[in-house]
Amino acid sequence: MSGAADGVEVTPLFGAARGCSTFEQRLLRFSGPSAGRSDAASDEVLYVLEGRAEAVVDGRRHGLEPGVACYLPRGTTWSIGETTGTGLLSVVVPDPPEGESRPAVVSRTSRSRATAGRAFELLACPDIGCRSVTQFIGLVPPGRAPDHFHTYDEVIYILEGEGALEIDGEAAPLRAGSCIHLPARLVHCLANTGDTELRLLGVFRPAGSPAEAYYPDGTAAVVPGSED
Protein backbone atom coordinates (compact mmCIF):
# COMPACT_ATOMS: atom_id res chain seq x y z
CA MET A 1 0.00 0.00 0.00
CA SER A 2 1.38 3.41 -0.95
CA GLY A 3 0.83 6.91 0.34
CA ALA A 4 1.77 10.26 -1.24
CA ALA A 5 2.34 13.59 0.49
CA ASP A 6 4.64 16.61 0.17
CA GLY A 7 6.03 15.54 -3.20
CA VAL A 8 6.93 11.97 -2.16
CA GLU A 9 5.18 8.63 -2.60
CA VAL A 10 6.06 6.09 0.12
CA THR A 11 5.74 2.34 -0.48
CA PRO A 12 6.37 0.16 2.62
CA LEU A 13 8.32 -3.06 2.04
CA PHE A 14 9.37 -4.50 5.40
CA GLY A 15 8.57 -3.31 8.90
CA ALA A 16 7.00 -4.35 12.17
CA ALA A 17 3.73 -5.26 10.43
CA ARG A 18 5.63 -7.93 8.46
CA GLY A 19 7.66 -9.28 11.37
CA CYS A 20 10.69 -7.02 10.92
CA SER A 21 10.96 -4.83 14.02
CA THR A 22 14.68 -4.11 13.49
CA PHE A 23 14.18 -2.01 10.36
CA GLU A 24 11.62 -0.25 8.22
CA GLN A 25 12.47 -0.79 4.53
CA ARG A 26 10.54 1.31 2.01
CA LEU A 27 10.63 2.92 -1.43
CA LEU A 28 10.50 6.72 -1.72
CA ARG A 29 9.60 8.23 -5.10
CA PHE A 30 9.92 11.98 -5.59
CA SER A 31 8.14 13.65 -8.51
CA GLY A 32 8.95 17.18 -7.36
CA PRO A 33 10.37 19.19 -4.46
CA SER A 34 9.54 17.84 -1.00
CA ALA A 35 9.00 19.35 2.39
CA GLY A 36 11.70 18.90 5.01
CA ARG A 37 11.82 15.43 6.58
CA SER A 38 13.30 14.52 9.97
CA ASP A 39 13.10 11.68 12.49
CA ALA A 40 14.20 12.43 16.04
CA ALA A 41 14.23 8.77 17.10
CA SER A 42 15.76 6.86 14.17
CA ASP A 43 18.73 6.79 11.81
CA GLU A 44 18.05 6.38 8.09
CA VAL A 45 20.16 5.17 5.17
CA LEU A 46 19.18 5.94 1.57
CA TYR A 47 20.30 4.58 -1.81
CA VAL A 48 19.48 6.20 -5.16
CA LEU A 49 17.85 3.63 -7.45
CA GLU A 50 16.93 5.93 -10.34
CA GLY A 51 16.74 9.57 -11.38
CA ARG A 52 18.73 12.60 -10.36
CA ALA A 53 17.97 15.22 -7.76
CA GLU A 54 19.38 17.88 -5.50
CA ALA A 55 19.16 16.97 -1.82
CA VAL A 56 19.47 19.47 1.01
CA VAL A 57 20.83 17.75 4.12
CA ASP A 58 21.04 19.91 7.26
CA GLY A 59 21.34 22.97 5.03
CA ARG A 60 24.03 21.56 2.70
CA ARG A 61 23.31 20.75 -0.96
CA HIS A 62 24.26 17.43 -2.55
CA GLY A 63 23.73 16.01 -6.00
CA LEU A 64 22.06 12.59 -6.09
CA GLU A 65 22.32 10.06 -8.90
CA PRO A 66 22.03 6.26 -9.15
CA GLY A 67 24.57 4.52 -6.93
CA VAL A 68 24.86 7.33 -4.36
CA ALA A 69 24.00 6.58 -0.73
CA CYS A 70 23.19 8.85 2.22
CA TYR A 71 23.53 8.31 5.95
CA LEU A 72 21.11 10.44 7.98
CA PRO A 73 21.61 10.26 11.77
CA ARG A 74 18.53 10.79 13.90
CA GLY A 75 17.44 14.41 13.99
CA THR A 76 18.85 15.19 10.53
CA THR A 77 16.57 17.41 8.42
CA TRP A 78 16.61 16.71 4.68
CA SER A 79 14.56 17.44 1.59
CA ILE A 80 14.58 16.95 -2.17
CA GLY A 81 14.68 19.98 -4.46
CA GLU A 82 14.82 19.81 -8.22
CA THR A 83 14.41 16.23 -9.47
CA THR A 84 14.04 14.30 -12.71
CA GLY A 85 11.87 11.78 -10.87
CA THR A 86 13.98 10.10 -8.21
CA GLY A 87 13.54 6.69 -6.60
CA LEU A 88 15.27 5.98 -3.29
CA LEU A 89 15.45 2.85 -1.19
CA SER A 90 15.14 3.91 2.44
CA VAL A 91 15.93 1.85 5.53
CA VAL A 92 14.90 3.43 8.82
CA VAL A 93 16.79 2.20 11.90
CA PRO A 94 14.92 2.68 15.19
CA ASP A 95 16.79 3.01 18.50
CA PRO A 96 20.27 3.66 17.05
CA PRO A 97 23.30 3.71 19.37
CA GLU A 98 23.74 6.79 21.53
CA GLY A 99 26.38 9.31 20.48
CA GLU A 100 26.79 12.20 18.10
CA SER A 101 27.34 11.55 14.40
CA ARG A 102 27.15 13.55 11.21
CA PRO A 103 25.25 12.93 7.98
CA ALA A 104 27.27 11.70 5.01
CA VAL A 105 26.80 11.22 1.26
CA VAL A 106 28.88 8.40 -0.19
CA SER A 107 29.49 6.61 -3.49
CA ARG A 108 30.66 3.07 -4.09
CA THR A 109 33.98 2.02 -2.61
CA SER A 110 36.47 -0.56 -3.84
CA ARG A 111 35.45 -4.21 -3.84
CA SER A 112 36.26 -6.59 -1.02
CA ARG A 113 35.96 -10.35 -1.14
CA ALA A 114 33.49 -12.59 0.64
CA THR A 115 32.95 -16.35 0.53
CA ALA A 116 32.12 -18.43 -2.59
CA GLY A 117 33.59 -15.89 -5.02
CA ARG A 118 31.26 -13.15 -3.86
CA ALA A 119 32.26 -9.53 -3.35
CA PHE A 120 30.87 -6.41 -1.75
CA GLU A 121 31.22 -2.62 -1.79
CA LEU A 122 30.65 -0.73 1.47
CA LEU A 123 28.46 2.38 1.53
CA ALA A 124 27.14 3.72 4.86
CA CYS A 125 29.12 1.95 7.59
CA PRO A 126 31.18 2.68 10.71
CA ASP A 127 34.07 3.92 8.53
CA ILE A 128 32.03 7.05 7.70
CA GLY A 129 30.53 7.44 11.17
CA CYS A 130 27.42 5.26 10.74
CA ARG A 131 27.48 3.06 13.85
CA SER A 132 23.92 1.74 13.66
CA VAL A 133 24.11 -0.38 10.46
CA THR A 134 26.26 -1.45 7.55
CA GLN A 135 24.88 -0.70 4.06
CA PHE A 136 26.57 -2.42 1.12
CA ILE A 137 26.31 -3.56 -2.48
CA GLY A 138 26.61 -7.35 -2.79
CA LEU A 139 27.97 -8.84 -6.03
CA VAL A 140 27.01 -12.49 -6.55
CA PRO A 141 28.46 -14.51 -9.46
CA PRO A 142 26.39 -17.21 -11.18
CA GLY A 143 26.04 -20.31 -9.02
CA ARG A 144 25.06 -21.42 -5.56
CA ALA A 145 26.96 -20.83 -2.32
CA PRO A 146 26.79 -23.31 0.58
CA ASP A 147 23.99 -22.88 3.11
CA HIS A 148 25.05 -20.42 5.82
CA PHE A 149 23.80 -17.90 8.39
CA HIS A 150 24.79 -14.51 9.77
CA THR A 151 24.69 -13.19 13.32
CA TYR A 152 23.14 -9.92 12.13
CA ASP A 153 19.58 -9.03 11.07
CA GLU A 154 19.41 -7.99 7.40
CA VAL A 155 17.13 -6.54 4.74
CA ILE A 156 18.01 -6.96 1.06
CA TYR A 157 16.77 -5.39 -2.18
CA ILE A 158 17.68 -6.98 -5.53
CA LEU A 159 19.08 -4.37 -7.93
CA GLU A 160 19.93 -6.49 -10.99
CA GLY A 161 19.92 -10.13 -12.06
CA GLU A 162 17.98 -13.30 -11.33
CA GLY A 163 18.25 -15.66 -8.41
CA ALA A 164 16.54 -17.74 -5.77
CA LEU A 165 16.34 -17.60 -2.00
CA GLU A 166 16.58 -21.11 -0.56
CA ILE A 167 15.49 -21.83 3.03
CA ASP A 168 14.88 -25.27 4.54
CA GLY A 169 14.53 -26.99 1.16
CA GLU A 170 12.16 -24.41 -0.34
CA ALA A 171 13.08 -21.80 -2.98
CA ALA A 172 11.54 -18.45 -3.93
CA PRO A 173 12.51 -16.73 -7.20
CA LEU A 174 14.24 -13.35 -7.10
CA ARG A 175 14.48 -10.57 -9.67
CA ALA A 176 15.13 -6.82 -9.71
CA GLY A 177 12.81 -5.24 -7.15
CA SER A 178 12.53 -8.33 -4.92
CA CYS A 179 13.05 -7.62 -1.22
CA ILE A 180 14.11 -9.99 1.56
CA HIS A 181 14.29 -9.97 5.35
CA LEU A 182 16.78 -12.39 6.90
CA PRO A 183 16.58 -12.62 10.69
CA ALA A 184 19.83 -13.33 12.51
CA ARG A 185 20.94 -17.00 12.46
CA LEU A 186 18.46 -18.05 9.77
CA VAL A 187 20.20 -20.69 7.61
CA HIS A 188 19.74 -19.76 3.95
CA CYS A 189 21.31 -19.56 0.51
CA LEU A 190 20.90 -16.74 -1.98
CA ALA A 191 21.74 -18.32 -5.35
CA ASN A 192 22.40 -16.58 -8.66
CA THR A 193 20.42 -18.56 -11.25
CA GLY A 194 21.29 -16.29 -14.18
CA ASP A 195 24.27 -15.90 -16.50
CA THR A 196 25.43 -12.48 -15.26
CA GLU A 197 26.38 -11.01 -11.90
CA LEU A 198 23.50 -10.51 -9.47
CA ARG A 199 23.64 -7.17 -7.61
CA LEU A 200 21.86 -6.52 -4.34
CA LEU A 201 21.65 -3.77 -1.76
CA GLY A 202 21.94 -4.99 1.81
CA VAL A 203 21.55 -3.26 5.18
CA PHE A 204 22.25 -5.08 8.43
CA ARG A 205 22.62 -4.50 12.16
CA PRO A 206 24.61 -4.66 14.29
CA ALA A 207 27.15 -3.10 11.94
CA GLY A 208 30.11 -5.20 10.83
CA SER A 209 31.52 -6.94 7.76
CA PRO A 210 29.25 -8.42 5.04
CA ALA A 211 31.84 -11.20 4.73
CA GLU A 212 31.04 -12.59 8.19
CA ALA A 213 29.11 -15.84 7.72
CA TYR A 214 28.81 -19.25 9.37
CA TYR A 215 27.96 -22.71 8.08
CA PRO A 216 24.98 -24.54 9.65
CA ASP A 217 27.29 -26.37 12.09
CA GLY A 218 28.50 -23.01 13.42
CA THR A 219 31.99 -23.01 11.87
CA ALA A 220 33.08 -19.76 10.28
CA ALA A 221 32.98 -19.49 6.49
CA VAL A 222 36.48 -18.35 5.53
CA VAL A 223 37.03 -15.60 2.98
CA PRO A 224 39.42 -16.93 0.27
CA GLY A 225 42.98 -15.79 0.99
CA SER A 226 42.31 -14.68 4.56
CA GLU A 227 43.82 -17.86 5.92
CA ASP A 228 47.24 -17.12 4.35
C-alpha atoms as a PDB file:
ATOM      1  CA  MET A   1       0.000   0.000   0.000  1.00  0.00           C
ATOM      2  CA  SER A   2       1.382   3.413  -0.946  1.00  0.00           C
ATOM      3  CA  GLY A   3       0.832   6.909   0.338  1.00  0.00           C
ATOM      4  CA  ALA A   4       1.768  10.256  -1.239  1.00  0.00           C
ATOM      5  CA  ALA A   5       2.342  13.588   0.486  1.00  0.00           C
ATOM      6  CA  ASP A   6       4.636  16.615   0.173  1.00  0.00           C
ATOM      7  CA  GLY A   7       6.035  15.538  -3.200  1.00  0.00           C
ATOM      8  CA  VAL A   8       6.926  11.969  -2.160  1.00  0.00           C
ATOM      9  CA  GLU A   9       5.182   8.626  -2.600  1.00  0.00           C
ATOM     10  CA  VAL A  10       6.057   6.089   0.124  1.00  0.00           C
ATOM     11  CA  THR A  11       5.737   2.336  -0.485  1.00  0.00           C
ATOM     12  CA  PRO A  12       6.367   0.162   2.615  1.00  0.00           C
ATOM     13  CA  LEU A  13       8.322  -3.060   2.035  1.00  0.00           C
ATOM     14  CA  PHE A  14       9.372  -4.497   5.399  1.00  0.00           C
ATOM     15  CA  GLY A  15       8.572  -3.309   8.901  1.00  0.00           C
ATOM     16  CA  ALA A  16       7.002  -4.354  12.172  1.00  0.00           C
ATOM     17  CA  ALA A  17       3.734  -5.262  10.429  1.00  0.00           C
ATOM     18  CA  ARG A  18       5.628  -7.930   8.460  1.00  0.00           C
ATOM     19  CA  GLY A  19       7.659  -9.284  11.369  1.00  0.00           C
ATOM     20  CA  CYS A  20      10.693  -7.015  10.915  1.00  0.00           C
ATOM     21  CA  SER A  21      10.965  -4.827  14.016  1.00  0.00           C
ATOM     22  CA  THR A  22      14.680  -4.110  13.491  1.00  0.00           C
ATOM     23  CA  PHE A  23      14.181  -2.012  10.363  1.00  0.00           C
ATOM     24  CA  GLU A  24      11.620  -0.252   8.219  1.00  0.00           C
ATOM     25  CA  GLN A  25      12.468  -0.792   4.533  1.00  0.00           C
ATOM     26  CA  ARG A  26      10.536   1.311   2.015  1.00  0.00           C
ATOM     27  CA  LEU A  27      10.634   2.920  -1.426  1.00  0.00           C
ATOM     28  CA  LEU A  28      10.500   6.719  -1.717  1.00  0.00           C
ATOM     29  CA  ARG A  29       9.598   8.226  -5.095  1.00  0.00           C
ATOM     30  CA  PHE A  30       9.916  11.984  -5.593  1.00  0.00           C
ATOM     31  CA  SER A  31       8.138  13.648  -8.511  1.00  0.00           C
ATOM     32  CA  GLY A  32       8.948  17.178  -7.355  1.00  0.00           C
ATOM     33  CA  PRO A  33      10.368  19.188  -4.457  1.00  0.00           C
ATOM     34  CA  SER A  34       9.542  17.839  -1.004  1.00  0.00           C
ATOM     35  CA  ALA A  35       8.997  19.350   2.388  1.00  0.00           C
ATOM     36  CA  GLY A  36      11.697  18.905   5.006  1.00  0.00           C
ATOM     37  CA  ARG A  37      11.821  15.432   6.582  1.00  0.00           C
ATOM     38  CA  SER A  38      13.296  14.518   9.969  1.00  0.00           C
ATOM     39  CA  ASP A  39      13.104  11.679  12.493  1.00  0.00           C
ATOM     40  CA  ALA A  40      14.204  12.432  16.037  1.00  0.00           C
ATOM     41  CA  ALA A  41      14.233   8.770  17.096  1.00  0.00           C
ATOM     42  CA  SER A  42      15.758   6.857  14.165  1.00  0.00           C
ATOM     43  CA  ASP A  43      18.726   6.794  11.814  1.00  0.00           C
ATOM     44  CA  GLU A  44      18.054   6.381   8.092  1.00  0.00           C
ATOM     45  CA  VAL A  45      20.159   5.166   5.170  1.00  0.00           C
ATOM     46  CA  LEU A  46      19.178   5.939   1.567  1.00  0.00           C
ATOM     47  CA  TYR A  47      20.298   4.584  -1.805  1.00  0.00           C
ATOM     48  CA  VAL A  48      19.476   6.195  -5.162  1.00  0.00           C
ATOM     49  CA  LEU A  49      17.855   3.631  -7.449  1.00  0.00           C
ATOM     50  CA  GLU A  50      16.929   5.933 -10.335  1.00  0.00           C
ATOM     51  CA  GLY A  51      16.742   9.566 -11.379  1.00  0.00           C
ATOM     52  CA  ARG A  52      18.730  12.596 -10.356  1.00  0.00           C
ATOM     53  CA  ALA A  53      17.973  15.220  -7.757  1.00  0.00           C
ATOM     54  CA  GLU A  54      19.377  17.878  -5.502  1.00  0.00           C
ATOM     55  CA  ALA A  55      19.156  16.974  -1.818  1.00  0.00           C
ATOM     56  CA  VAL A  56      19.468  19.472   1.007  1.00  0.00           C
ATOM     57  CA  VAL A  57      20.834  17.746   4.125  1.00  0.00           C
ATOM     58  CA  ASP A  58      21.044  19.914   7.260  1.00  0.00           C
ATOM     59  CA  GLY A  59      21.337  22.972   5.029  1.00  0.00           C
ATOM     60  CA  ARG A  60      24.029  21.558   2.695  1.00  0.00           C
ATOM     61  CA  ARG A  61      23.309  20.753  -0.959  1.00  0.00           C
ATOM     62  CA  HIS A  62      24.259  17.432  -2.550  1.00  0.00           C
ATOM     63  CA  GLY A  63      23.726  16.010  -6.003  1.00  0.00           C
ATOM     64  CA  LEU A  64      22.062  12.594  -6.085  1.00  0.00           C
ATOM     65  CA  GLU A  65      22.319  10.057  -8.900  1.00  0.00           C
ATOM     66  CA  PRO A  66      22.027   6.262  -9.147  1.00  0.00           C
ATOM     67  CA  GLY A  67      24.570   4.516  -6.927  1.00  0.00           C
ATOM     68  CA  VAL A  68      24.865   7.333  -4.362  1.00  0.00           C
ATOM     69  CA  ALA A  69      24.001   6.581  -0.729  1.00  0.00           C
ATOM     70  CA  CYS A  70      23.188   8.849   2.217  1.00  0.00           C
ATOM     71  CA  TYR A  71      23.531   8.314   5.948  1.00  0.00           C
ATOM     72  CA  LEU A  72      21.110  10.438   7.982  1.00  0.00           C
ATOM     73  CA  PRO A  73      21.608  10.264  11.767  1.00  0.00           C
ATOM     74  CA  ARG A  74      18.526  10.786  13.899  1.00  0.00           C
ATOM     75  CA  GLY A  75      17.436  14.406  13.993  1.00  0.00           C
ATOM     76  CA  THR A  76      18.846  15.188  10.528  1.00  0.00           C
ATOM     77  CA  THR A  77      16.569  17.407   8.417  1.00  0.00           C
ATOM     78  CA  TRP A  78      16.609  16.711   4.683  1.00  0.00           C
ATOM     79  CA  SER A  79      14.562  17.437   1.592  1.00  0.00           C
ATOM     80  CA  ILE A  80      14.576  16.951  -2.173  1.00  0.00           C
ATOM     81  CA  GLY A  81      14.682  19.984  -4.463  1.00  0.00           C
ATOM     82  CA  GLU A  82      14.819  19.807  -8.222  1.00  0.00           C
ATOM     83  CA  THR A  83      14.408  16.231  -9.471  1.00  0.00           C
ATOM     84  CA  THR A  84      14.037  14.301 -12.714  1.00  0.00           C
ATOM     85  CA  GLY A  85      11.869  11.777 -10.866  1.00  0.00           C
ATOM     86  CA  THR A  86      13.975  10.104  -8.209  1.00  0.00           C
ATOM     87  CA  GLY A  87      13.540   6.689  -6.600  1.00  0.00           C
ATOM     88  CA  LEU A  88      15.273   5.983  -3.287  1.00  0.00           C
ATOM     89  CA  LEU A  89      15.454   2.847  -1.193  1.00  0.00           C
ATOM     90  CA  SER A  90      15.138   3.914   2.444  1.00  0.00           C
ATOM     91  CA  VAL A  91      15.927   1.850   5.526  1.00  0.00           C
ATOM     92  CA  VAL A  92      14.895   3.434   8.821  1.00  0.00           C
ATOM     93  CA  VAL A  93      16.792   2.196  11.900  1.00  0.00           C
ATOM     94  CA  PRO A  94      14.922   2.678  15.192  1.00  0.00           C
ATOM     95  CA  ASP A  95      16.789   3.008  18.497  1.00  0.00           C
ATOM     96  CA  PRO A  96      20.266   3.662  17.055  1.00  0.00           C
ATOM     97  CA  PRO A  97      23.301   3.714  19.371  1.00  0.00           C
ATOM     98  CA  GLU A  98      23.744   6.793  21.530  1.00  0.00           C
ATOM     99  CA  GLY A  99      26.378   9.312  20.485  1.00  0.00           C
ATOM    100  CA  GLU A 100      26.790  12.201  18.104  1.00  0.00           C
ATOM    101  CA  SER A 101      27.345  11.549  14.402  1.00  0.00           C
ATOM    102  CA  ARG A 102      27.148  13.552  11.215  1.00  0.00           C
ATOM    103  CA  PRO A 103      25.246  12.929   7.980  1.00  0.00           C
ATOM    104  CA  ALA A 104      27.270  11.702   5.009  1.00  0.00           C
ATOM    105  CA  VAL A 105      26.796  11.219   1.265  1.00  0.00           C
ATOM    106  CA  VAL A 106      28.885   8.396  -0.194  1.00  0.00           C
ATOM    107  CA  SER A 107      29.487   6.609  -3.485  1.00  0.00           C
ATOM    108  CA  ARG A 108      30.663   3.074  -4.089  1.00  0.00           C
ATOM    109  CA  THR A 109      33.980   2.022  -2.606  1.00  0.00           C
ATOM    110  CA  SER A 110      36.467  -0.564  -3.841  1.00  0.00           C
ATOM    111  CA  ARG A 111      35.446  -4.210  -3.843  1.00  0.00           C
ATOM    112  CA  SER A 112      36.262  -6.587  -1.021  1.00  0.00           C
ATOM    113  CA  ARG A 113      35.960 -10.352  -1.137  1.00  0.00           C
ATOM    114  CA  ALA A 114      33.490 -12.585   0.641  1.00  0.00           C
ATOM    115  CA  THR A 115      32.946 -16.346   0.532  1.00  0.00           C
ATOM    116  CA  ALA A 116      32.123 -18.428  -2.588  1.00  0.00           C
ATOM    117  CA  GLY A 117      33.593 -15.894  -5.020  1.00  0.00           C
ATOM    118  CA  ARG A 118      31.256 -13.151  -3.859  1.00  0.00           C
ATOM    119  CA  ALA A 119      32.264  -9.533  -3.351  1.00  0.00           C
ATOM    120  CA  PHE A 120      30.865  -6.409  -1.752  1.00  0.00           C
ATOM    121  CA  GLU A 121      31.223  -2.620  -1.789  1.00  0.00           C
ATOM    122  CA  LEU A 122      30.652  -0.733   1.470  1.00  0.00           C
ATOM    123  CA  LEU A 123      28.464   2.378   1.531  1.00  0.00           C
ATOM    124  CA  ALA A 124      27.142   3.722   4.862  1.00  0.00           C
ATOM    125  CA  CYS A 125      29.125   1.949   7.585  1.00  0.00           C
ATOM    126  CA  PRO A 126      31.179   2.678  10.713  1.00  0.00           C
ATOM    127  CA  ASP A 127      34.071   3.922   8.533  1.00  0.00           C
ATOM    128  CA  ILE A 128      32.030   7.054   7.700  1.00  0.00           C
ATOM    129  CA  GLY A 129      30.526   7.436  11.171  1.00  0.00           C
ATOM    130  CA  CYS A 130      27.425   5.258  10.736  1.00  0.00           C
ATOM    131  CA  ARG A 131      27.482   3.057  13.847  1.00  0.00           C
ATOM    132  CA  SER A 132      23.922   1.740  13.656  1.00  0.00           C
ATOM    133  CA  VAL A 133      24.111  -0.379  10.463  1.00  0.00           C
ATOM    134  CA  THR A 134      26.262  -1.451   7.548  1.00  0.00           C
ATOM    135  CA  GLN A 135      24.882  -0.698   4.064  1.00  0.00           C
ATOM    136  CA  PHE A 136      26.571  -2.416   1.123  1.00  0.00           C
ATOM    137  CA  ILE A 137      26.306  -3.557  -2.478  1.00  0.00           C
ATOM    138  CA  GLY A 138      26.614  -7.347  -2.786  1.00  0.00           C
ATOM    139  CA  LEU A 139      27.967  -8.837  -6.034  1.00  0.00           C
ATOM    140  CA  VAL A 140      27.013 -12.485  -6.550  1.00  0.00           C
ATOM    141  CA  PRO A 141      28.460 -14.509  -9.461  1.00  0.00           C
ATOM    142  CA  PRO A 142      26.388 -17.211 -11.176  1.00  0.00           C
ATOM    143  CA  GLY A 143      26.043 -20.313  -9.019  1.00  0.00           C
ATOM    144  CA  ARG A 144      25.065 -21.421  -5.562  1.00  0.00           C
ATOM    145  CA  ALA A 145      26.964 -20.832  -2.319  1.00  0.00           C
ATOM    146  CA  PRO A 146      26.792 -23.314   0.585  1.00  0.00           C
ATOM    147  CA  ASP A 147      23.989 -22.881   3.110  1.00  0.00           C
ATOM    148  CA  HIS A 148      25.046 -20.417   5.816  1.00  0.00           C
ATOM    149  CA  PHE A 149      23.796 -17.901   8.386  1.00  0.00           C
ATOM    150  CA  HIS A 150      24.786 -14.506   9.771  1.00  0.00           C
ATOM    151  CA  THR A 151      24.693 -13.186  13.317  1.00  0.00           C
ATOM    152  CA  TYR A 152      23.139  -9.923  12.126  1.00  0.00           C
ATOM    153  CA  ASP A 153      19.580  -9.029  11.067  1.00  0.00           C
ATOM    154  CA  GLU A 154      19.410  -7.990   7.401  1.00  0.00           C
ATOM    155  CA  VAL A 155      17.127  -6.538   4.744  1.00  0.00           C
ATOM    156  CA  ILE A 156      18.013  -6.958   1.062  1.00  0.00           C
ATOM    157  CA  TYR A 157      16.773  -5.390  -2.178  1.00  0.00           C
ATOM    158  CA  ILE A 158      17.677  -6.981  -5.526  1.00  0.00           C
ATOM    159  CA  LEU A 159      19.079  -4.374  -7.930  1.00  0.00           C
ATOM    160  CA  GLU A 160      19.933  -6.485 -10.989  1.00  0.00           C
ATOM    161  CA  GLY A 161      19.917 -10.131 -12.057  1.00  0.00           C
ATOM    162  CA  GLU A 162      17.981 -13.303 -11.331  1.00  0.00           C
ATOM    163  CA  GLY A 163      18.251 -15.661  -8.410  1.00  0.00           C
ATOM    164  CA  ALA A 164      16.538 -17.739  -5.769  1.00  0.00           C
ATOM    165  CA  LEU A 165      16.339 -17.596  -2.000  1.00  0.00           C
ATOM    166  CA  GLU A 166      16.577 -21.109  -0.556  1.00  0.00           C
ATOM    167  CA  ILE A 167      15.485 -21.827   3.030  1.00  0.00           C
ATOM    168  CA  ASP A 168      14.876 -25.273   4.535  1.00  0.00           C
ATOM    169  CA  GLY A 169      14.525 -26.986   1.162  1.00  0.00           C
ATOM    170  CA  GLU A 170      12.160 -24.409  -0.345  1.00  0.00           C
ATOM    171  CA  ALA A 171      13.084 -21.804  -2.976  1.00  0.00           C
ATOM    172  CA  ALA A 172      11.535 -18.450  -3.929  1.00  0.00           C
ATOM    173  CA  PRO A 173      12.508 -16.725  -7.200  1.00  0.00           C
ATOM    174  CA  LEU A 174      14.243 -13.348  -7.098  1.00  0.00           C
ATOM    175  CA  ARG A 175      14.475 -10.569  -9.670  1.00  0.00           C
ATOM    176  CA  ALA A 176      15.133  -6.818  -9.712  1.00  0.00           C
ATOM    177  CA  GLY A 177      12.814  -5.244  -7.152  1.00  0.00           C
ATOM    178  CA  SER A 178      12.531  -8.328  -4.919  1.00  0.00           C
ATOM    179  CA  CYS A 179      13.049  -7.623  -1.221  1.00  0.00           C
ATOM    180  CA  ILE A 180      14.106  -9.986   1.558  1.00  0.00           C
ATOM    181  CA  HIS A 181      14.286  -9.966   5.353  1.00  0.00           C
ATOM    182  CA  LEU A 182      16.781 -12.392   6.898  1.00  0.00           C
ATOM    183  CA  PRO A 183      16.578 -12.620  10.691  1.00  0.00           C
ATOM    184  CA  ALA A 184      19.828 -13.329  12.506  1.00  0.00           C
ATOM    185  CA  ARG A 185      20.941 -16.998  12.457  1.00  0.00           C
ATOM    186  CA  LEU A 186      18.460 -18.053   9.769  1.00  0.00           C
ATOM    187  CA  VAL A 187      20.196 -20.689   7.612  1.00  0.00           C
ATOM    188  CA  HIS A 188      19.740 -19.765   3.948  1.00  0.00           C
ATOM    189  CA  CYS A 189      21.309 -19.560   0.508  1.00  0.00           C
ATOM    190  CA  LEU A 190      20.899 -16.741  -1.985  1.00  0.00           C
ATOM    191  CA  ALA A 191      21.738 -18.318  -5.347  1.00  0.00           C
ATOM    192  CA  ASN A 192      22.400 -16.578  -8.663  1.00  0.00           C
ATOM    193  CA  THR A 193      20.420 -18.562 -11.251  1.00  0.00           C
ATOM    194  CA  GLY A 194      21.285 -16.289 -14.180  1.00  0.00           C
ATOM    195  CA  ASP A 195      24.273 -15.897 -16.501  1.00  0.00           C
ATOM    196  CA  THR A 196      25.429 -12.483 -15.256  1.00  0.00           C
ATOM    197  CA  GLU A 197      26.382 -11.007 -11.900  1.00  0.00           C
ATOM    198  CA  LEU A 198      23.502 -10.505  -9.465  1.00  0.00           C
ATOM    199  CA  ARG A 199      23.637  -7.165  -7.613  1.00  0.00           C
ATOM    200  CA  LEU A 200      21.864  -6.520  -4.342  1.00  0.00           C
ATOM    201  CA  LEU A 201      21.653  -3.765  -1.760  1.00  0.00           C
ATOM    202  CA  GLY A 202      21.938  -4.991   1.811  1.00  0.00           C
ATOM    203  CA  VAL A 203      21.553  -3.260   5.175  1.00  0.00           C
ATOM    204  CA  PHE A 204      22.253  -5.081   8.430  1.00  0.00           C
ATOM    205  CA  ARG A 205      22.622  -4.497  12.157  1.00  0.00           C
ATOM    206  CA  PRO A 206      24.613  -4.659  14.291  1.00  0.00           C
ATOM    207  CA  ALA A 207      27.154  -3.098  11.936  1.00  0.00           C
ATOM    208  CA  GLY A 208      30.113  -5.199  10.828  1.00  0.00           C
ATOM    209  CA  SER A 209      31.523  -6.943   7.762  1.00  0.00           C
ATOM    210  CA  PRO A 210      29.248  -8.420   5.043  1.00  0.00           C
ATOM    211  CA  ALA A 211      31.842 -11.199   4.726  1.00  0.00           C
ATOM    212  CA  GLU A 212      31.037 -12.587   8.188  1.00  0.00           C
ATOM    213  CA  ALA A 213      29.114 -15.843   7.716  1.00  0.00           C
ATOM    214  CA  TYR A 214      28.810 -19.254   9.369  1.00  0.00           C
ATOM    215  CA  TYR A 215      27.962 -22.714   8.083  1.00  0.00           C
ATOM    216  CA  PRO A 216      24.979 -24.541   9.650  1.00  0.00           C
ATOM    217  CA  ASP A 217      27.288 -26.366  12.089  1.00  0.00           C
ATOM    218  CA  GLY A 218      28.501 -23.011  13.421  1.00  0.00           C
ATOM    219  CA  THR A 219      31.987 -23.011  11.871  1.00  0.00           C
ATOM    220  CA  ALA A 220      33.084 -19.759  10.282  1.00  0.00           C
ATOM    221  CA  ALA A 221      32.976 -19.489   6.491  1.00  0.00           C
ATOM    222  CA  VAL A 222      36.477 -18.351   5.532  1.00  0.00           C
ATOM    223  CA  VAL A 223      37.031 -15.597   2.981  1.00  0.00           C
ATOM    224  CA  PRO A 224      39.424 -16.926   0.266  1.00  0.00           C
ATOM    225  CA  GLY A 225      42.982 -15.787   0.987  1.00  0.00           C
ATOM    226  CA  SER A 226      42.311 -14.678   4.564  1.00  0.00           C
ATOM    227  CA  GLU A 227      43.821 -17.863   5.920  1.00  0.00           C
ATOM    228  CA  ASP A 228      47.236 -17.115   4.346  1.00  0.00           C
END
